[in-house]
Amino acid sequence: VGNVVVGAETVRHLAALSMHSKASFTQMKSLAQTVLRDLNIDFELRQCEDGAYIPGRAAEIVVAGEAVGTLGEFHPQVLENFELGHPGAGFEIELRSG
C-alpha cells in the first residue's frame, strides 16, 4: 500500500507482485478476489488489453461501474525492460475512502 501521484492528485494504491517460474494470471486473480471480498467490496473483472500484460492474460477490476485497477501476467518485454529474471504476475488497485 502506498501513495501514487496521478496528475496533480495523490491517491493510495494497493499492489501485489509474484515472481517465480509458475507466476500466473490465475494466481493474481485469486489473490485480488480474496482481498476485495475480505474488504467487502462488490466488484467484477473484465478482460482488458494492457501493454504491461500478456494479451489474453489481463483483467481490469471494476467497482460501481468504474475501473479501479488491473491484474495479470506481465509481458516478457516488461520483464526484460526492468531486467527481471523470472515470470511475474501482479495487480494494482486504487483505494478510495467512502
Protein backbone atom coordinates (compact mmCIF):
# COMPACT_ATOMS: atom_id res chain seq x y z
CA VAL A 1 0.00 0.00 0.00
CA GLY A 2 1.37 3.39 -0.95
CA ASN A 3 0.67 6.78 -2.43
CA VAL A 4 0.87 7.34 -6.19
CA VAL A 5 0.85 10.73 -7.88
CA VAL A 6 -1.68 10.85 -10.74
CA GLY A 7 -1.59 14.25 -12.44
CA ALA A 8 -1.91 16.77 -9.61
CA GLU A 9 -3.57 14.31 -7.24
CA THR A 10 -2.08 11.83 -4.78
CA VAL A 11 -4.04 8.59 -4.43
CA ARG A 12 -3.47 5.46 -2.37
CA HIS A 13 -2.91 2.17 -4.21
CA LEU A 14 -2.66 -1.44 -3.12
CA ALA A 15 -0.37 -3.61 -5.22
CA ALA A 16 0.99 -7.15 -5.17
CA LEU A 17 3.59 -8.93 -7.27
CA SER A 18 4.59 -12.56 -7.55
CA MET A 19 7.77 -13.57 -9.36
CA HIS A 20 8.61 -17.24 -9.87
CA SER A 21 8.55 -19.79 -12.65
CA LYS A 22 4.83 -20.50 -12.24
CA ALA A 23 3.54 -16.96 -11.58
CA SER A 24 0.21 -16.69 -13.38
CA PHE A 25 -2.94 -14.76 -14.14
CA THR A 26 -4.91 -17.29 -12.08
CA GLN A 27 -2.73 -16.71 -9.04
CA MET A 28 -3.22 -12.93 -9.17
CA LYS A 29 -6.92 -13.24 -9.92
CA SER A 30 -7.37 -15.44 -6.86
CA LEU A 31 -5.38 -13.08 -4.63
CA ALA A 32 -7.18 -9.94 -5.84
CA GLN A 33 -10.59 -11.60 -5.43
CA THR A 34 -9.71 -12.68 -1.89
CA VAL A 35 -8.54 -9.19 -0.87
CA LEU A 36 -11.60 -7.48 -2.36
CA ARG A 37 -14.02 -9.97 -0.80
CA ASP A 38 -12.32 -9.65 2.60
CA LEU A 39 -12.73 -5.86 2.30
CA ASN A 40 -16.43 -6.43 1.48
CA ILE A 41 -16.11 -4.67 -1.89
CA ASP A 42 -18.51 -5.63 -4.68
CA PHE A 43 -16.51 -5.91 -7.90
CA GLU A 44 -16.31 -7.56 -11.27
CA LEU A 45 -13.41 -8.49 -13.51
CA ARG A 46 -13.41 -7.66 -17.21
CA GLN A 47 -10.89 -8.83 -19.77
CA CYS A 48 -8.73 -5.95 -20.93
CA GLU A 49 -5.80 -5.21 -23.19
CA ASP A 50 -3.00 -3.51 -21.28
CA GLY A 51 0.50 -3.40 -22.75
CA ALA A 52 2.04 -4.28 -19.38
CA TYR A 53 0.43 -7.72 -19.51
CA ILE A 54 0.42 -10.67 -21.90
CA PRO A 55 -2.58 -10.37 -24.29
CA GLY A 56 -5.45 -12.52 -23.03
CA ARG A 57 -3.96 -12.76 -19.55
CA ALA A 58 -5.13 -9.45 -18.10
CA ALA A 59 -8.26 -8.05 -16.48
CA GLU A 60 -9.45 -4.75 -15.15
CA ILE A 61 -11.01 -4.57 -11.71
CA VAL A 62 -14.35 -2.74 -11.83
CA VAL A 63 -16.17 -1.30 -8.81
CA ALA A 64 -19.52 0.50 -9.21
CA GLY A 65 -19.04 0.56 -13.00
CA GLU A 66 -15.61 2.21 -12.81
CA ALA A 67 -12.23 0.58 -13.47
CA VAL A 68 -10.13 0.92 -10.30
CA GLY A 69 -7.26 -1.41 -11.15
CA THR A 70 -5.76 -4.15 -13.26
CA LEU A 71 -4.24 -7.58 -12.82
CA GLY A 72 -2.40 -10.05 -15.00
CA GLU A 73 0.78 -11.76 -16.14
CA PHE A 74 3.50 -9.31 -17.07
CA HIS A 75 4.51 -9.18 -20.72
CA PRO A 76 8.01 -10.59 -21.46
CA GLN A 77 9.07 -7.17 -22.80
CA VAL A 78 8.18 -5.57 -19.45
CA LEU A 79 10.24 -8.21 -17.64
CA GLU A 80 13.16 -7.56 -20.00
CA ASN A 81 12.88 -3.76 -19.71
CA PHE A 82 13.15 -3.95 -15.93
CA GLU A 83 15.81 -6.71 -16.06
CA LEU A 84 13.62 -9.13 -14.11
CA GLY A 85 14.84 -12.68 -14.45
CA HIS A 86 11.62 -14.59 -13.79
CA PRO A 87 8.00 -14.59 -14.97
CA GLY A 88 5.78 -12.30 -12.93
CA ALA A 89 2.15 -11.53 -12.26
CA GLY A 90 0.60 -8.74 -10.27
CA PHE A 91 -2.27 -6.44 -9.52
CA GLU A 92 -2.76 -2.78 -8.62
CA ILE A 93 -5.93 -1.29 -7.19
CA GLU A 94 -6.74 2.32 -6.39
CA LEU A 95 -8.10 2.54 -2.84
CA ARG A 96 -10.82 5.08 -2.16
CA SER A 97 -12.47 6.16 1.03
CA GLY A 98 -16.22 6.04 1.42
